[in-house]
Amino acid sequence: GTPHQLTHDKHDYGSPIWSKDGKKLYFSA
């Protein structure tokens, strides 16, 4: 299906990883 976009600003986001409970992403930027 269509990927869901989570961020929308004028910054570049680094590779995300998932929290154990699936409620958060962690990333570097």
mmCIF file of all heavy atoms, coordinates in Angstrom:
data_MODEL
# 
_entry.id   MODEL 
# 
loop_
_atom_site.group_PDB 
_atom_site.id 
_atom_site.type_symbol 
_atom_site.label_atom_id 
_atom_site.label_alt_id 
_atom_site.label_comp_id 
_atom_site.label_asym_id 
_atom_site.label_entity_id 
_atom_site.label_seq_id 
_atom_site.pdbx_PDB_ins_code 
_atom_site.Cartn_x 
_atom_site.Cartn_y 
_atom_site.Cartn_z 
_atom_site.occupancy 
_atom_site.B_iso_or_equiv 
_atom_site.pdbx_formal_charge 
_atom_site.auth_seq_id 
_atom_site.auth_comp_id 
_atom_site.auth_asym_id 
_atom_site.auth_atom_id 
_atom_site.pdbx_PDB_model_num 
ATOM 1   N N   . GLY A 1 1  ? 0.822  -1.203 0.000  1.00 0.00 ? 1  GLY A N   1 
ATOM 2   C CA  . GLY A 1 1  ? 0.000  0.000  0.000  1.00 0.00 ? 1  GLY A CA  1 
ATOM 3   C C   . GLY A 1 1  ? 0.854  1.250  0.000  1.00 0.00 ? 1  GLY A C   1 
ATOM 4   O O   . GLY A 1 1  ? 2.057  1.216  -0.288 1.00 0.00 ? 1  GLY A O   1 
ATOM 5   N N   . THR A 1 2  ? 0.245  2.363  0.353  1.00 0.00 ? 2  THR A N   1 
ATOM 6   C CA  . THR A 1 2  ? 0.948  3.644  0.340  1.00 0.00 ? 2  THR A CA  1 
ATOM 7   C C   . THR A 1 2  ? 1.713  3.838  1.643  1.00 0.00 ? 2  THR A C   1 
ATOM 8   O O   . THR A 1 2  ? 1.131  3.742  2.724  1.00 0.00 ? 2  THR A O   1 
ATOM 9   C CB  . THR A 1 2  ? -0.050 4.799  0.163  1.00 0.00 ? 2  THR A CB  1 
ATOM 10  O OG1 . THR A 1 2  ? -0.788 4.604  -1.042 1.00 0.00 ? 2  THR A OG1 1 
ATOM 11  C CG2 . THR A 1 2  ? 0.688  6.133  0.111  1.00 0.00 ? 2  THR A CG2 1 
ATOM 12  N N   . PRO A 1 3  ? 3.015  4.120  1.576  1.00 0.00 ? 3  PRO A N   1 
ATOM 13  C CA  . PRO A 1 3  ? 3.763  4.392  2.814  1.00 0.00 ? 3  PRO A CA  1 
ATOM 14  C C   . PRO A 1 3  ? 3.204  5.616  3.530  1.00 0.00 ? 3  PRO A C   1 
ATOM 15  O O   . PRO A 1 3  ? 2.777  6.587  2.895  1.00 0.00 ? 3  PRO A O   1 
ATOM 16  C CB  . PRO A 1 3  ? 5.191  4.648  2.310  1.00 0.00 ? 3  PRO A CB  1 
ATOM 17  C CG  . PRO A 1 3  ? 5.251  3.993  0.961  1.00 0.00 ? 3  PRO A CG  1 
ATOM 18  C CD  . PRO A 1 3  ? 3.883  4.129  0.383  1.00 0.00 ? 3  PRO A CD  1 
ATOM 19  N N   . HIS A 1 4  ? 3.181  5.561  4.852  1.00 0.00 ? 4  HIS A N   1 
ATOM 20  C CA  . HIS A 1 4  ? 2.662  6.666  5.666  1.00 0.00 ? 4  HIS A CA  1 
ATOM 21  C C   . HIS A 1 4  ? 3.814  7.578  6.072  1.00 0.00 ? 4  HIS A C   1 
ATOM 22  O O   . HIS A 1 4  ? 4.754  7.154  6.740  1.00 0.00 ? 4  HIS A O   1 
ATOM 23  C CB  . HIS A 1 4  ? 1.959  6.122  6.902  1.00 0.00 ? 4  HIS A CB  1 
ATOM 24  C CG  . HIS A 1 4  ? 1.517  7.178  7.862  1.00 0.00 ? 4  HIS A CG  1 
ATOM 25  N ND1 . HIS A 1 4  ? 0.661  8.200  7.513  1.00 0.00 ? 4  HIS A ND1 1 
ATOM 26  C CD2 . HIS A 1 4  ? 1.826  7.382  9.181  1.00 0.00 ? 4  HIS A CD2 1 
ATOM 27  C CE1 . HIS A 1 4  ? 0.464  8.985  8.554  1.00 0.00 ? 4  HIS A CE1 1 
ATOM 28  N NE2 . HIS A 1 4  ? 1.160  8.509  9.579  1.00 0.00 ? 4  HIS A NE2 1 
ATOM 29  N N   . GLN A 1 5  ? 3.742  8.844  5.663  1.00 0.00 ? 5  GLN A N   1 
ATOM 30  C CA  . GLN A 1 5  ? 4.784  9.817  5.972  1.00 0.00 ? 5  GLN A CA  1 
ATOM 31  C C   . GLN A 1 5  ? 4.576  10.379 7.367  1.00 0.00 ? 5  GLN A C   1 
ATOM 32  O O   . GLN A 1 5  ? 3.481  10.823 7.720  1.00 0.00 ? 5  GLN A O   1 
ATOM 33  C CB  . GLN A 1 5  ? 4.779  10.947 4.942  1.00 0.00 ? 5  GLN A CB  1 
ATOM 34  C CG  . GLN A 1 5  ? 5.912  11.945 5.126  1.00 0.00 ? 5  GLN A CG  1 
ATOM 35  C CD  . GLN A 1 5  ? 5.964  12.980 4.009  1.00 0.00 ? 5  GLN A CD  1 
ATOM 36  O OE1 . GLN A 1 5  ? 5.384  12.780 2.939  1.00 0.00 ? 5  GLN A OE1 1 
ATOM 37  N NE2 . GLN A 1 5  ? 6.647  14.086 4.253  1.00 0.00 ? 5  GLN A NE2 1 
ATOM 38  N N   . LEU A 1 6  ? 5.666  10.377 8.166  1.00 0.00 ? 6  LEU A N   1 
ATOM 39  C CA  . LEU A 1 6  ? 5.580  10.800 9.561  1.00 0.00 ? 6  LEU A CA  1 
ATOM 40  C C   . LEU A 1 6  ? 6.133  12.194 9.806  1.00 0.00 ? 6  LEU A C   1 
ATOM 41  O O   . LEU A 1 6  ? 5.744  12.860 10.776 1.00 0.00 ? 6  LEU A O   1 
ATOM 42  C CB  . LEU A 1 6  ? 6.332  9.809  10.454 1.00 0.00 ? 6  LEU A CB  1 
ATOM 43  C CG  . LEU A 1 6  ? 5.829  8.361  10.437 1.00 0.00 ? 6  LEU A CG  1 
ATOM 44  C CD1 . LEU A 1 6  ? 6.792  7.470  11.198 1.00 0.00 ? 6  LEU A CD1 1 
ATOM 45  C CD2 . LEU A 1 6  ? 4.436  8.275  11.032 1.00 0.00 ? 6  LEU A CD2 1 
ATOM 46  N N   . THR A 1 7  ? 7.058  12.645 8.998  1.00 0.00 ? 7  THR A N   1 
ATOM 47  C CA  . THR A 1 7  ? 7.673  13.963 9.183  1.00 0.00 ? 7  THR A CA  1 
ATOM 48  C C   . THR A 1 7  ? 7.455  14.782 7.916  1.00 0.00 ? 7  THR A C   1 
ATOM 49  O O   . THR A 1 7  ? 7.368  14.239 6.815  1.00 0.00 ? 7  THR A O   1 
ATOM 50  C CB  . THR A 1 7  ? 9.174  13.843 9.492  1.00 0.00 ? 7  THR A CB  1 
ATOM 51  O OG1 . THR A 1 7  ? 9.817  13.087 8.450  1.00 0.00 ? 7  THR A OG1 1 
ATOM 52  C CG2 . THR A 1 7  ? 9.394  13.140 10.827 1.00 0.00 ? 7  THR A CG2 1 
ATOM 53  N N   . HIS A 1 8  ? 7.421  16.112 8.087  1.00 0.00 ? 8  HIS A N   1 
ATOM 54  C CA  . HIS A 1 8  ? 7.007  16.953 6.960  1.00 0.00 ? 8  HIS A CA  1 
ATOM 55  C C   . HIS A 1 8  ? 7.772  18.271 6.904  1.00 0.00 ? 8  HIS A C   1 
ATOM 56  O O   . HIS A 1 8  ? 7.356  19.176 6.179  1.00 0.00 ? 8  HIS A O   1 
ATOM 57  C CB  . HIS A 1 8  ? 5.499  17.246 7.065  1.00 0.00 ? 8  HIS A CB  1 
ATOM 58  C CG  . HIS A 1 8  ? 4.650  16.026 7.190  1.00 0.00 ? 8  HIS A CG  1 
ATOM 59  N ND1 . HIS A 1 8  ? 4.111  15.370 6.098  1.00 0.00 ? 8  HIS A ND1 1 
ATOM 60  C CD2 . HIS A 1 8  ? 4.248  15.318 8.290  1.00 0.00 ? 8  HIS A CD2 1 
ATOM 61  C CE1 . HIS A 1 8  ? 3.416  14.331 6.504  1.00 0.00 ? 8  HIS A CE1 1 
ATOM 62  N NE2 . HIS A 1 8  ? 3.478  14.270 7.838  1.00 0.00 ? 8  HIS A NE2 1 
ATOM 63  N N   . ASP A 1 9  ? 8.853  18.415 7.648  1.00 0.00 ? 9  ASP A N   1 
ATOM 64  C CA  . ASP A 1 9  ? 9.520  19.712 7.695  1.00 0.00 ? 9  ASP A CA  1 
ATOM 65  C C   . ASP A 1 9  ? 10.728 19.752 6.765  1.00 0.00 ? 9  ASP A C   1 
ATOM 66  O O   . ASP A 1 9  ? 10.943 18.846 5.961  1.00 0.00 ? 9  ASP A O   1 
ATOM 67  C CB  . ASP A 1 9  ? 9.913  20.059 9.132  1.00 0.00 ? 9  ASP A CB  1 
ATOM 68  C CG  . ASP A 1 9  ? 10.811 18.994 9.751  1.00 0.00 ? 9  ASP A CG  1 
ATOM 69  O OD1 . ASP A 1 9  ? 11.443 18.227 9.002  1.00 0.00 ? 9  ASP A OD1 1 
ATOM 70  O OD2 . ASP A 1 9  ? 10.875 18.916 10.996 1.00 0.00 ? 9  ASP A OD2 1 
ATOM 71  N N   . LYS A 1 10 ? 11.533 20.785 6.891  1.00 0.00 ? 10 LYS A N   1 
ATOM 72  C CA  . LYS A 1 10 ? 12.674 20.992 5.991  1.00 0.00 ? 10 LYS A CA  1 
ATOM 73  C C   . LYS A 1 10 ? 13.979 20.547 6.639  1.00 0.00 ? 10 LYS A C   1 
ATOM 74  O O   . LYS A 1 10 ? 14.984 21.258 6.610  1.00 0.00 ? 10 LYS A O   1 
ATOM 75  C CB  . LYS A 1 10 ? 12.739 22.454 5.565  1.00 0.00 ? 10 LYS A CB  1 
ATOM 76  C CG  . LYS A 1 10 ? 11.528 22.883 4.763  1.00 0.00 ? 10 LYS A CG  1 
ATOM 77  C CD  . LYS A 1 10 ? 11.743 24.194 4.043  1.00 0.00 ? 10 LYS A CD  1 
ATOM 78  C CE  . LYS A 1 10 ? 10.543 24.493 3.163  1.00 0.00 ? 10 LYS A CE  1 
ATOM 79  N NZ  . LYS A 1 10 ? 10.773 25.556 2.199  1.00 0.00 ? 10 LYS A NZ  1 
ATOM 80  N N   . HIS A 1 11 ? 13.944 19.346 7.226  1.00 0.00 ? 11 HIS A N   1 
ATOM 81  C CA  . HIS A 1 11 ? 15.144 18.730 7.777  1.00 0.00 ? 11 HIS A CA  1 
ATOM 82  C C   . HIS A 1 11 ? 15.295 17.338 7.174  1.00 0.00 ? 11 HIS A C   1 
ATOM 83  O O   . HIS A 1 11 ? 14.331 16.749 6.695  1.00 0.00 ? 11 HIS A O   1 
ATOM 84  C CB  . HIS A 1 11 ? 15.065 18.633 9.305  1.00 0.00 ? 11 HIS A CB  1 
ATOM 85  C CG  . HIS A 1 11 ? 15.109 19.952 9.995  1.00 0.00 ? 11 HIS A CG  1 
ATOM 86  N ND1 . HIS A 1 11 ? 13.977 20.612 10.423 1.00 0.00 ? 11 HIS A ND1 1 
ATOM 87  C CD2 . HIS A 1 11 ? 16.148 20.752 10.326 1.00 0.00 ? 11 HIS A CD2 1 
ATOM 88  C CE1 . HIS A 1 11 ? 14.318 21.759 11.004 1.00 0.00 ? 11 HIS A CE1 1 
ATOM 89  N NE2 . HIS A 1 11 ? 15.638 21.862 10.956 1.00 0.00 ? 11 HIS A NE2 1 
ATOM 90  N N   . ASP A 1 12 ? 16.531 16.830 7.225  1.00 0.00 ? 12 ASP A N   1 
ATOM 91  C CA  . ASP A 1 12 ? 16.801 15.472 6.767  1.00 0.00 ? 12 ASP A CA  1 
ATOM 92  C C   . ASP A 1 12 ? 16.856 14.541 7.970  1.00 0.00 ? 12 ASP A C   1 
ATOM 93  O O   . ASP A 1 12 ? 17.578 14.808 8.942  1.00 0.00 ? 12 ASP A O   1 
ATOM 94  C CB  . ASP A 1 12 ? 18.133 15.416 6.009  1.00 0.00 ? 12 ASP A CB  1 
ATOM 95  C CG  . ASP A 1 12 ? 18.061 16.147 4.681  1.00 0.00 ? 12 ASP A CG  1 
ATOM 96  O OD1 . ASP A 1 12 ? 17.060 15.959 3.967  1.00 0.00 ? 12 ASP A OD1 1 
ATOM 97  O OD2 . ASP A 1 12 ? 18.990 16.915 4.361  1.00 0.00 ? 12 ASP A OD2 1 
ATOM 98  N N   . TYR A 1 13 ? 16.124 13.446 7.884  1.00 0.00 ? 13 TYR A N   1 
ATOM 99  C CA  . TYR A 1 13 ? 16.029 12.482 8.984  1.00 0.00 ? 13 TYR A CA  1 
ATOM 100 C C   . TYR A 1 13 ? 16.854 11.245 8.668  1.00 0.00 ? 13 TYR A C   1 
ATOM 101 O O   . TYR A 1 13 ? 16.883 10.767 7.531  1.00 0.00 ? 13 TYR A O   1 
ATOM 102 C CB  . TYR A 1 13 ? 14.568 12.102 9.226  1.00 0.00 ? 13 TYR A CB  1 
ATOM 103 C CG  . TYR A 1 13 ? 13.760 13.235 9.815  1.00 0.00 ? 13 TYR A CG  1 
ATOM 104 C CD1 . TYR A 1 13 ? 13.259 14.249 9.012  1.00 0.00 ? 13 TYR A CD1 1 
ATOM 105 C CD2 . TYR A 1 13 ? 13.535 13.297 11.186 1.00 0.00 ? 13 TYR A CD2 1 
ATOM 106 C CE1 . TYR A 1 13 ? 12.539 15.309 9.559  1.00 0.00 ? 13 TYR A CE1 1 
ATOM 107 C CE2 . TYR A 1 13 ? 12.809 14.342 11.735 1.00 0.00 ? 13 TYR A CE2 1 
ATOM 108 C CZ  . TYR A 1 13 ? 12.320 15.354 10.917 1.00 0.00 ? 13 TYR A CZ  1 
ATOM 109 O OH  . TYR A 1 13 ? 11.616 16.401 11.469 1.00 0.00 ? 13 TYR A OH  1 
ATOM 110 N N   . GLY A 1 14 ? 17.519 10.716 9.711  1.00 0.00 ? 14 GLY A N   1 
ATOM 111 C CA  . GLY A 1 14 ? 18.349 9.534  9.548  1.00 0.00 ? 14 GLY A CA  1 
ATOM 112 C C   . GLY A 1 14 ? 17.569 8.246  9.705  1.00 0.00 ? 14 GLY A C   1 
ATOM 113 O O   . GLY A 1 14 ? 16.374 8.246  10.028 1.00 0.00 ? 14 GLY A O   1 
ATOM 114 N N   . SER A 1 15 ? 18.261 7.135  9.493  1.00 0.00 ? 15 SER A N   1 
ATOM 115 C CA  . SER A 1 15 ? 17.633 5.811  9.477  1.00 0.00 ? 15 SER A CA  1 
ATOM 116 C C   . SER A 1 15 ? 16.956 5.508  10.814 1.00 0.00 ? 15 SER A C   1 
ATOM 117 O O   . SER A 1 15 ? 17.588 5.561  11.866 1.00 0.00 ? 15 SER A O   1 
ATOM 118 C CB  . SER A 1 15 ? 18.684 4.752  9.181  1.00 0.00 ? 15 SER A CB  1 
ATOM 119 O OG  . SER A 1 15 ? 19.322 5.022  7.946  1.00 0.00 ? 15 SER A OG  1 
ATOM 120 N N   . PRO A 1 16 ? 15.659 5.145  10.800 1.00 0.00 ? 16 PRO A N   1 
ATOM 121 C CA  . PRO A 1 16 ? 14.935 4.910  12.054 1.00 0.00 ? 16 PRO A CA  1 
ATOM 122 C C   . PRO A 1 16 ? 15.038 3.465  12.536 1.00 0.00 ? 16 PRO A C   1 
ATOM 123 O O   . PRO A 1 16 ? 15.278 2.546  11.757 1.00 0.00 ? 16 PRO A O   1 
ATOM 124 C CB  . PRO A 1 16 ? 13.487 5.223  11.656 1.00 0.00 ? 16 PRO A CB  1 
ATOM 125 C CG  . PRO A 1 16 ? 13.420 4.812  10.210 1.00 0.00 ? 16 PRO A CG  1 
ATOM 126 C CD  . PRO A 1 16 ? 14.784 5.101  9.624  1.00 0.00 ? 16 PRO A CD  1 
ATOM 127 N N   . ILE A 1 17 ? 14.859 3.278  13.835 1.00 0.00 ? 17 ILE A N   1 
ATOM 128 C CA  . ILE A 1 17 ? 14.680 1.950  14.430 1.00 0.00 ? 17 ILE A CA  1 
ATOM 129 C C   . ILE A 1 17 ? 13.431 1.989  15.300 1.00 0.00 ? 17 ILE A C   1 
ATOM 130 O O   . ILE A 1 17 ? 12.998 3.063  15.735 1.00 0.00 ? 17 ILE A O   1 
ATOM 131 C CB  . ILE A 1 17 ? 15.906 1.510  15.260 1.00 0.00 ? 17 ILE A CB  1 
ATOM 132 C CG1 . ILE A 1 17 ? 16.146 2.483  16.425 1.00 0.00 ? 17 ILE A CG1 1 
ATOM 133 C CG2 . ILE A 1 17 ? 17.143 1.381  14.388 1.00 0.00 ? 17 ILE A CG2 1 
ATOM 134 C CD1 . ILE A 1 17 ? 17.178 1.992  17.421 1.00 0.00 ? 17 ILE A CD1 1 
ATOM 135 N N   . TRP A 1 18 ? 12.853 0.833  15.574 1.00 0.00 ? 18 TRP A N   1 
ATOM 136 C CA  . TRP A 1 18 ? 11.592 0.741  16.321 1.00 0.00 ? 18 TRP A CA  1 
ATOM 137 C C   . TRP A 1 18 ? 11.831 0.554  17.814 1.00 0.00 ? 18 TRP A C   1 
ATOM 138 O O   . TRP A 1 18 ? 12.793 -0.098 18.227 1.00 0.00 ? 18 TRP A O   1 
ATOM 139 C CB  . TRP A 1 18 ? 10.774 -0.449 15.825 1.00 0.00 ? 18 TRP A CB  1 
ATOM 140 C CG  . TRP A 1 18 ? 10.222 -0.305 14.448 1.00 0.00 ? 18 TRP A CG  1 
ATOM 141 C CD1 . TRP A 1 18 ? 10.878 -0.544 13.279 1.00 0.00 ? 18 TRP A CD1 1 
ATOM 142 C CD2 . TRP A 1 18 ? 8.896  0.104  14.096 1.00 0.00 ? 18 TRP A CD2 1 
ATOM 143 N NE1 . TRP A 1 18 ? 10.045 -0.318 12.210 1.00 0.00 ? 18 TRP A NE1 1 
ATOM 144 C CE2 . TRP A 1 18 ? 8.812  0.083  12.689 1.00 0.00 ? 18 TRP A CE2 1 
ATOM 145 C CE3 . TRP A 1 18 ? 7.769  0.470  14.831 1.00 0.00 ? 18 TRP A CE3 1 
ATOM 146 C CZ2 . TRP A 1 18 ? 7.656  0.424  12.002 1.00 0.00 ? 18 TRP A CZ2 1 
ATOM 147 C CZ3 . TRP A 1 18 ? 6.608  0.810  14.144 1.00 0.00 ? 18 TRP A CZ3 1 
ATOM 148 C CH2 . TRP A 1 18 ? 6.554  0.795  12.741 1.00 0.00 ? 18 TRP A CH2 1 
ATOM 149 N N   . SER A 1 19 ? 10.912 1.093  18.607 1.00 0.00 ? 19 SER A N   1 
ATOM 150 C CA  . SER A 1 19 ? 10.876 0.742  20.024 1.00 0.00 ? 19 SER A CA  1 
ATOM 151 C C   . SER A 1 19 ? 10.321 -0.671 20.158 1.00 0.00 ? 19 SER A C   1 
ATOM 152 O O   . SER A 1 19 ? 9.694  -1.209 19.244 1.00 0.00 ? 19 SER A O   1 
ATOM 153 C CB  . SER A 1 19 ? 10.000 1.730  20.807 1.00 0.00 ? 19 SER A CB  1 
ATOM 154 O OG  . SER A 1 19 ? 8.645  1.635  20.382 1.00 0.00 ? 19 SER A OG  1 
ATOM 155 N N   . LYS A 1 20 ? 10.541 -1.275 21.305 1.00 0.00 ? 20 LYS A N   1 
ATOM 156 C CA  . LYS A 1 20 ? 10.124 -2.665 21.510 1.00 0.00 ? 20 LYS A CA  1 
ATOM 157 C C   . LYS A 1 20 ? 8.597  -2.810 21.433 1.00 0.00 ? 20 LYS A C   1 
ATOM 158 O O   . LYS A 1 20 ? 8.083  -3.816 20.918 1.00 0.00 ? 20 LYS A O   1 
ATOM 159 C CB  . LYS A 1 20 ? 10.616 -3.147 22.881 1.00 0.00 ? 20 LYS A CB  1 
ATOM 160 C CG  . LYS A 1 20 ? 10.609 -4.651 23.041 1.00 0.00 ? 20 LYS A CG  1 
ATOM 161 C CD  . LYS A 1 20 ? 11.801 -5.308 22.348 1.00 0.00 ? 20 LYS A CD  1 
ATOM 162 C CE  . LYS A 1 20 ? 11.891 -6.781 22.675 1.00 0.00 ? 20 LYS A CE  1 
ATOM 163 N NZ  . LYS A 1 20 ? 13.046 -7.449 22.066 1.00 0.00 ? 20 LYS A NZ  1 
ATOM 164 N N   . ASP A 1 21 ? 7.875  -1.816 21.929 1.00 0.00 ? 21 ASP A N   1 
ATOM 165 C CA  . ASP A 1 21 ? 6.417  -1.905 21.930 1.00 0.00 ? 21 ASP A CA  1 
ATOM 166 C C   . ASP A 1 21 ? 5.782  -1.402 20.634 1.00 0.00 ? 21 ASP A C   1 
ATOM 167 O O   . ASP A 1 21 ? 4.558  -1.400 20.486 1.00 0.00 ? 21 ASP A O   1 
ATOM 168 C CB  . ASP A 1 21 ? 5.822  -1.154 23.122 1.00 0.00 ? 21 ASP A CB  1 
ATOM 169 C CG  . ASP A 1 21 ? 6.178  0.331  23.115 1.00 0.00 ? 21 ASP A CG  1 
ATOM 170 O OD1 . ASP A 1 21 ? 6.722  0.831  22.100 1.00 0.00 ? 21 ASP A OD1 1 
ATOM 171 O OD2 . ASP A 1 21 ? 5.913  1.004  24.138 1.00 0.00 ? 21 ASP A OD2 1 
ATOM 172 N N   . GLY A 1 22 ? 6.605  -0.941 19.675 1.00 0.00 ? 22 GLY A N   1 
ATOM 173 C CA  . GLY A 1 22 ? 6.090  -0.500 18.395 1.00 0.00 ? 22 GLY A CA  1 
ATOM 174 C C   . GLY A 1 22 ? 5.416  0.850  18.408 1.00 0.00 ? 22 GLY A C   1 
ATOM 175 O O   . GLY A 1 22 ? 4.773  1.243  17.420 1.00 0.00 ? 22 GLY A O   1 
ATOM 176 N N   . LYS A 1 23 ? 5.569  1.604  19.509 1.00 0.00 ? 23 LYS A N   1 
ATOM 177 C CA  . LYS A 1 23 ? 4.882  2.888  19.623 1.00 0.00 ? 23 LYS A CA  1 
ATOM 178 C C   . LYS A 1 23 ? 5.763  4.079  19.252 1.00 0.00 ? 23 LYS A C   1 
ATOM 179 O O   . LYS A 1 23 ? 5.260  5.190  19.092 1.00 0.00 ? 23 LYS A O   1 
ATOM 180 C CB  . LYS A 1 23 ? 4.360  3.081  21.050 1.00 0.00 ? 23 LYS A CB  1 
ATOM 181 C CG  . LYS A 1 23 ? 3.290  2.071  21.450 1.00 0.00 ? 23 LYS A CG  1 
ATOM 182 C CD  . LYS A 1 23 ? 2.805  2.310  22.871 1.00 0.00 ? 23 LYS A CD  1 
ATOM 183 C CE  . LYS A 1 23 ? 1.706  1.317  23.248 1.00 0.00 ? 23 LYS A CE  1 
ATOM 184 N NZ  . LYS A 1 23 ? 1.206  1.530  24.633 1.00 0.00 ? 23 LYS A NZ  1 
ATOM 185 N N   . LYS A 1 24 ? 7.065  3.841  19.116 1.00 0.00 ? 24 LYS A N   1 
ATOM 186 C CA  . LYS A 1 24 ? 7.985  4.933  18.824 1.00 0.00 ? 24 LYS A CA  1 
ATOM 187 C C   . LYS A 1 24 ? 9.017  4.501  17.786 1.00 0.00 ? 24 LYS A C   1 
ATOM 188 O O   . LYS A 1 24 ? 9.272  3.308  17.588 1.00 0.00 ? 24 LYS A O   1 
ATOM 189 C CB  . LYS A 1 24 ? 8.730  5.378  20.093 1.00 0.00 ? 24 LYS A CB  1 
ATOM 190 C CG  . LYS A 1 24 ? 7.887  6.062  21.139 1.00 0.00 ? 24 LYS A CG  1 
ATOM 191 C CD  . LYS A 1 24 ? 8.760  6.496  22.323 1.00 0.00 ? 24 LYS A CD  1 
ATOM 192 C CE  . LYS A 1 24 ? 7.934  7.221  23.374 1.00 0.00 ? 24 LYS A CE  1 
ATOM 193 N NZ  . LYS A 1 24 ? 8.769  7.656  24.525 1.00 0.00 ? 24 LYS A NZ  1 
ATOM 194 N N   . LEU A 1 25 ? 9.637  5.506  17.152 1.00 0.00 ? 25 LEU A N   1 
ATOM 195 C CA  . LEU A 1 25 ? 10.834 5.311  16.349 1.00 0.00 ? 25 LEU A CA  1 
ATOM 196 C C   . LEU A 1 25 ? 11.958 6.121  16.976 1.00 0.00 ? 25 LEU A C   1 
ATOM 197 O O   . LEU A 1 25 ? 11.726 7.190  17.558 1.00 0.00 ? 25 LEU A O   1 
ATOM 198 C CB  . LEU A 1 25 ? 10.614 5.788  14.910 1.00 0.00 ? 25 LEU A CB  1 
ATOM 199 C CG  . LEU A 1 25 ? 9.554  5.076  14.075 1.00 0.00 ? 25 LEU A CG  1 
ATOM 200 C CD1 . LEU A 1 25 ? 9.485  5.709  12.692 1.00 0.00 ? 25 LEU A CD1 1 
ATOM 201 C CD2 . LEU A 1 25 ? 9.832  3.582  13.972 1.00 0.00 ? 25 LEU A CD2 1 
ATOM 202 N N   . TYR A 1 26 ? 13.167 5.609  16.873 1.00 0.00 ? 26 TYR A N   1 
ATOM 203 C CA  . TYR A 1 26 ? 14.362 6.347  17.283 1.00 0.00 ? 26 TYR A CA  1 
ATOM 204 C C   . TYR A 1 26 ? 15.210 6.582  16.039 1.00 0.00 ? 26 TYR A C   1 
ATOM 205 O O   . TYR A 1 26 ? 15.308 5.716  15.160 1.00 0.00 ? 26 TYR A O   1 
ATOM 206 C CB  . TYR A 1 26 ? 15.162 5.560  18.321 1.00 0.00 ? 26 TYR A CB  1 
ATOM 207 C CG  . TYR A 1 26 ? 14.364 5.185  19.553 1.00 0.00 ? 26 TYR A CG  1 
ATOM 208 C CD1 . TYR A 1 26 ? 13.944 3.873  19.756 1.00 0.00 ? 26 TYR A CD1 1 
ATOM 209 C CD2 . TYR A 1 26 ? 14.041 6.142  20.512 1.00 0.00 ? 26 TYR A CD2 1 
ATOM 210 C CE1 . TYR A 1 26 ? 13.217 3.520  20.879 1.00 0.00 ? 26 TYR A CE1 1 
ATOM 211 C CE2 . TYR A 1 26 ? 13.317 5.800  21.650 1.00 0.00 ? 26 TYR A CE2 1 
ATOM 212 C CZ  . TYR A 1 26 ? 12.899 4.487  21.822 1.00 0.00 ? 26 TYR A CZ  1 
ATOM 213 O OH  . TYR A 1 26 ? 12.171 4.135  22.937 1.00 0.00 ? 26 TYR A OH  1 
ATOM 214 N N   . PHE A 1 27 ? 15.845 7.746  15.981 1.00 0.00 ? 27 PHE A N   1 
ATOM 215 C CA  . PHE A 1 27 ? 16.620 8.088  14.785 1.00 0.00 ? 27 PHE A CA  1 
ATOM 216 C C   . PHE A 1 27 ? 17.608 9.197  15.122 1.00 0.00 ? 27 PHE A C   1 
ATOM 217 O O   . PHE A 1 27 ? 17.518 9.841  16.179 1.00 0.00 ? 27 PHE A O   1 
ATOM 218 C CB  . PHE A 1 27 ? 15.687 8.541  13.654 1.00 0.00 ? 27 PHE A CB  1 
ATOM 219 C CG  . PHE A 1 27 ? 14.840 9.733  14.004 1.00 0.00 ? 27 PHE A CG  1 
ATOM 220 C CD1 . PHE A 1 27 ? 15.281 11.017 13.744 1.00 0.00 ? 27 PHE A CD1 1 
ATOM 221 C CD2 . PHE A 1 27 ? 13.600 9.571  14.617 1.00 0.00 ? 27 PHE A CD2 1 
ATOM 222 C CE1 . PHE A 1 27 ? 14.512 12.126 14.090 1.00 0.00 ? 27 PHE A CE1 1 
ATOM 223 C CE2 . PHE A 1 27 ? 12.815 10.664 14.967 1.00 0.00 ? 27 PHE A CE2 1 
ATOM 224 C CZ  . PHE A 1 27 ? 13.277 11.949 14.697 1.00 0.00 ? 27 PHE A CZ  1 
ATOM 225 N N   . SER A 1 28 ? 18.535 9.417  14.204 1.00 0.00 ? 28 SER A N   1 
ATOM 226 C CA  . SER A 1 28 ? 19.505 10.512 14.322 1.00 0.00 ? 28 SER A CA  1 
ATOM 227 C C   . SER A 1 28 ? 19.182 11.569 13.278 1.00 0.00 ? 28 SER A C   1 
ATOM 228 O O   . SER A 1 28 ? 18.794 11.246 12.150 1.00 0.00 ? 28 SER A O   1 
ATOM 229 C CB  . SER A 1 28 ? 20.924 9.989  14.117 1.00 0.00 ? 28 SER A CB  1 
ATOM 230 O OG  . SER A 1 28 ? 21.859 11.058 14.071 1.00 0.00 ? 28 SER A OG  1 
ATOM 231 N N   . ALA A 1 29 ? 19.335 12.819 13.646 1.00 0.00 ? 29 ALA A N   1 
ATOM 232 C CA  . ALA A 1 29 ? 19.103 13.922 12.714 1.00 0.00 ? 29 ALA A CA  1 
ATOM 233 C C   . ALA A 1 29 ? 19.711 15.197 13.291 1.00 0.00 ? 29 ALA A C   1 
ATOM 234 O O   . ALA A 1 29 ? 19.981 15.286 14.493 1.00 0.00 ? 29 ALA A O   1 
ATOM 235 C CB  . ALA A 1 29 ? 17.608 14.123 12.455 1.00 0.00 ? 29 ALA A CB  1 
# 
